[in-house]
Amino acid sequence: MIISIIGMLIGALVAGAGIYYLVKEKRDKESVKIYGIISGVGGVIFVAMLIKLILELL
């Protein structure tokens, strides 16, 4: 359960940082691609850990 919560926090932080820099560097096309991928990976980690947490509680 603790691992799921820590994973959710890490996923949210990675996604948040990716979105922050995506907005900050919106004029550079290569940076937009990189930070978009980073945001997506963070979102996937967050959702996966959320599902894992929900399944542990059932």
N, C-alpha and C. Protein backbone atom coordinates (compact mmCIF):
# COMPACT_ATOMS: atom_id res chain seq x y z
N MET A 1 0.83 -1.19 0.00
CA MET A 1 0.00 0.00 0.00
C MET A 1 0.88 1.26 0.00
N ILE A 2 1.92 1.25 0.79
CA ILE A 2 2.81 2.41 0.86
C ILE A 2 3.53 2.61 -0.47
N ILE A 3 3.91 1.49 -1.11
CA ILE A 3 4.58 1.58 -2.41
C ILE A 3 3.66 2.22 -3.44
N SER A 4 2.40 1.88 -3.40
CA SER A 4 1.43 2.46 -4.34
C SER A 4 1.29 3.96 -4.12
N ILE A 5 1.24 4.37 -2.89
CA ILE A 5 1.10 5.80 -2.59
C ILE A 5 2.36 6.56 -3.01
N ILE A 6 3.52 6.00 -2.72
CA ILE A 6 4.78 6.64 -3.15
C ILE A 6 4.85 6.69 -4.66
N GLY A 7 4.44 5.62 -5.33
CA GLY A 7 4.42 5.59 -6.79
C GLY A 7 3.48 6.64 -7.37
N MET A 8 2.34 6.82 -6.73
CA MET A 8 1.39 7.85 -7.18
C MET A 8 2.01 9.24 -7.04
N LEU A 9 2.68 9.48 -5.93
CA LEU A 9 3.33 10.78 -5.73
C LEU A 9 4.41 11.03 -6.78
N ILE A 10 5.22 10.01 -7.04
CA ILE A 10 6.28 10.15 -8.04
C ILE A 10 5.68 10.39 -9.42
N GLY A 11 4.64 9.63 -9.77
CA GLY A 11 3.99 9.82 -11.06
C GLY A 11 3.39 11.21 -11.20
N ALA A 12 2.76 11.70 -10.14
CA ALA A 12 2.17 13.03 -10.19
C ALA A 12 3.24 14.11 -10.32
N LEU A 13 4.35 13.94 -9.61
CA LEU A 13 5.44 14.92 -9.69
C LEU A 13 6.09 14.93 -11.07
N VAL A 14 6.31 13.75 -11.64
CA VAL A 14 6.90 13.67 -12.97
C VAL A 14 5.97 14.30 -14.01
N ALA A 15 4.68 13.97 -13.92
CA ALA A 15 3.70 14.55 -14.85
C ALA A 15 3.62 16.06 -14.68
N GLY A 16 3.60 16.51 -13.44
CA GLY A 16 3.52 17.96 -13.18
C GLY A 16 4.74 18.70 -13.70
N ALA A 17 5.92 18.14 -13.48
CA ALA A 17 7.15 18.77 -13.99
C ALA A 17 7.15 18.79 -15.51
N GLY A 18 6.71 17.69 -16.12
CA GLY A 18 6.65 17.63 -17.58
C GLY A 18 5.70 18.67 -18.15
N ILE A 19 4.55 18.84 -17.52
CA ILE A 19 3.58 19.83 -17.99
C ILE A 19 4.12 21.24 -17.78
N TYR A 20 4.77 21.47 -16.65
CA TYR A 20 5.35 22.79 -16.38
C TYR A 20 6.34 23.19 -17.47
N TYR A 21 7.28 22.30 -17.76
CA TYR A 21 8.29 22.61 -18.76
C TYR A 21 7.71 22.57 -20.18
N LEU A 22 6.66 21.80 -20.39
CA LEU A 22 5.98 21.80 -21.69
C LEU A 22 5.40 23.18 -21.98
N VAL A 23 4.79 23.78 -20.99
CA VAL A 23 4.23 25.13 -21.16
C VAL A 23 5.35 26.17 -21.26
N LYS A 24 6.40 25.97 -20.46
CA LYS A 24 7.50 26.93 -20.44
C LYS A 24 8.27 26.94 -21.76
N GLU A 25 8.45 25.80 -22.39
CA GLU A 25 9.22 25.69 -23.62
C GLU A 25 8.33 25.43 -24.83
N LYS A 26 7.16 26.02 -24.87
CA LYS A 26 6.18 25.71 -25.91
C LYS A 26 6.60 26.13 -27.32
N ARG A 27 7.60 26.96 -27.45
CA ARG A 27 8.04 27.41 -28.78
C ARG A 27 9.06 26.48 -29.42
N ASP A 28 9.71 25.65 -28.63
CA ASP A 28 10.71 24.72 -29.15
C ASP A 28 10.05 23.37 -29.42
N LYS A 29 9.96 22.98 -30.70
CA LYS A 29 9.22 21.78 -31.07
C LYS A 29 9.83 20.51 -30.50
N GLU A 30 11.15 20.43 -30.44
CA GLU A 30 11.79 19.23 -29.90
C GLU A 30 11.53 19.11 -28.40
N SER A 31 11.56 20.23 -27.69
CA SER A 31 11.28 20.21 -26.25
C SER A 31 9.84 19.84 -25.98
N VAL A 32 8.94 20.31 -26.82
CA VAL A 32 7.52 19.98 -26.65
C VAL A 32 7.32 18.47 -26.75
N LYS A 33 8.00 17.85 -27.71
CA LYS A 33 7.89 16.40 -27.88
C LYS A 33 8.43 15.67 -26.66
N ILE A 34 9.60 16.07 -26.20
CA ILE A 34 10.24 15.41 -25.06
C ILE A 34 9.40 15.57 -23.79
N TYR A 35 8.98 16.80 -23.51
CA TYR A 35 8.20 17.02 -22.28
C TYR A 35 6.80 16.43 -22.38
N GLY A 36 6.27 16.31 -23.58
CA GLY A 36 4.99 15.63 -23.75
C GLY A 36 5.11 14.16 -23.40
N ILE A 37 6.19 13.53 -23.84
CA ILE A 37 6.43 12.12 -23.51
C ILE A 37 6.64 11.95 -22.01
N ILE A 38 7.41 12.84 -21.41
CA ILE A 38 7.65 12.77 -19.96
C ILE A 38 6.34 12.91 -19.19
N SER A 39 5.49 13.84 -19.62
CA SER A 39 4.20 14.02 -18.96
C SER A 39 3.34 12.78 -19.10
N GLY A 40 3.36 12.19 -20.27
CA GLY A 40 2.58 10.96 -20.50
C GLY A 40 3.06 9.81 -19.63
N VAL A 41 4.37 9.64 -19.52
CA VAL A 41 4.92 8.58 -18.68
C VAL A 41 4.54 8.81 -17.22
N GLY A 42 4.64 10.04 -16.76
CA GLY A 42 4.23 10.34 -15.39
C GLY A 42 2.75 10.05 -15.16
N GLY A 43 1.94 10.39 -16.14
CA GLY A 43 0.50 10.10 -16.02
C GLY A 43 0.22 8.60 -15.98
N VAL A 44 0.93 7.84 -16.80
CA VAL A 44 0.75 6.38 -16.81
C VAL A 44 1.17 5.78 -15.47
N ILE A 45 2.29 6.25 -14.93
CA ILE A 45 2.75 5.76 -13.62
C ILE A 45 1.71 6.08 -12.55
N PHE A 46 1.18 7.30 -12.58
CA PHE A 46 0.17 7.69 -11.59
C PHE A 46 -1.07 6.80 -11.68
N VAL A 47 -1.58 6.61 -12.90
CA VAL A 47 -2.79 5.80 -13.08
C VAL A 47 -2.54 4.34 -12.69
N ALA A 48 -1.38 3.81 -13.08
CA ALA A 48 -1.08 2.42 -12.74
C ALA A 48 -1.01 2.22 -11.22
N MET A 49 -0.38 3.14 -10.52
CA MET A 49 -0.28 3.01 -9.07
C MET A 49 -1.64 3.24 -8.40
N LEU A 50 -2.47 4.09 -8.99
CA LEU A 50 -3.81 4.30 -8.46
C LEU A 50 -4.64 3.03 -8.59
N ILE A 51 -4.56 2.39 -9.74
CA ILE A 51 -5.29 1.13 -9.94
C ILE A 51 -4.77 0.06 -8.99
N LYS A 52 -3.45 -0.01 -8.83
CA LYS A 52 -2.85 -0.98 -7.90
C LYS A 52 -3.35 -0.73 -6.48
N LEU A 53 -3.43 0.52 -6.07
CA LEU A 53 -3.90 0.86 -4.73
C LEU A 53 -5.37 0.46 -4.56
N ILE A 54 -6.18 0.75 -5.56
CA ILE A 54 -7.60 0.39 -5.47
C ILE A 54 -7.78 -1.12 -5.37
N LEU A 55 -7.00 -1.88 -6.17
CA LEU A 55 -7.11 -3.33 -6.12
C LEU A 55 -6.61 -3.90 -4.80
N GLU A 56 -5.63 -3.24 -4.19
CA GLU A 56 -5.16 -3.70 -2.87
C GLU A 56 -6.21 -3.49 -1.79
N LEU A 57 -7.00 -2.45 -1.93
CA LEU A 57 -8.00 -2.14 -0.91
C LEU A 57 -9.25 -3.01 -1.03
N LEU A 58 -9.43 -3.65 -2.17
CA LEU A 58 -10.62 -4.50 -2.35
C LEU A 58 -10.44 -5.84 -1.78
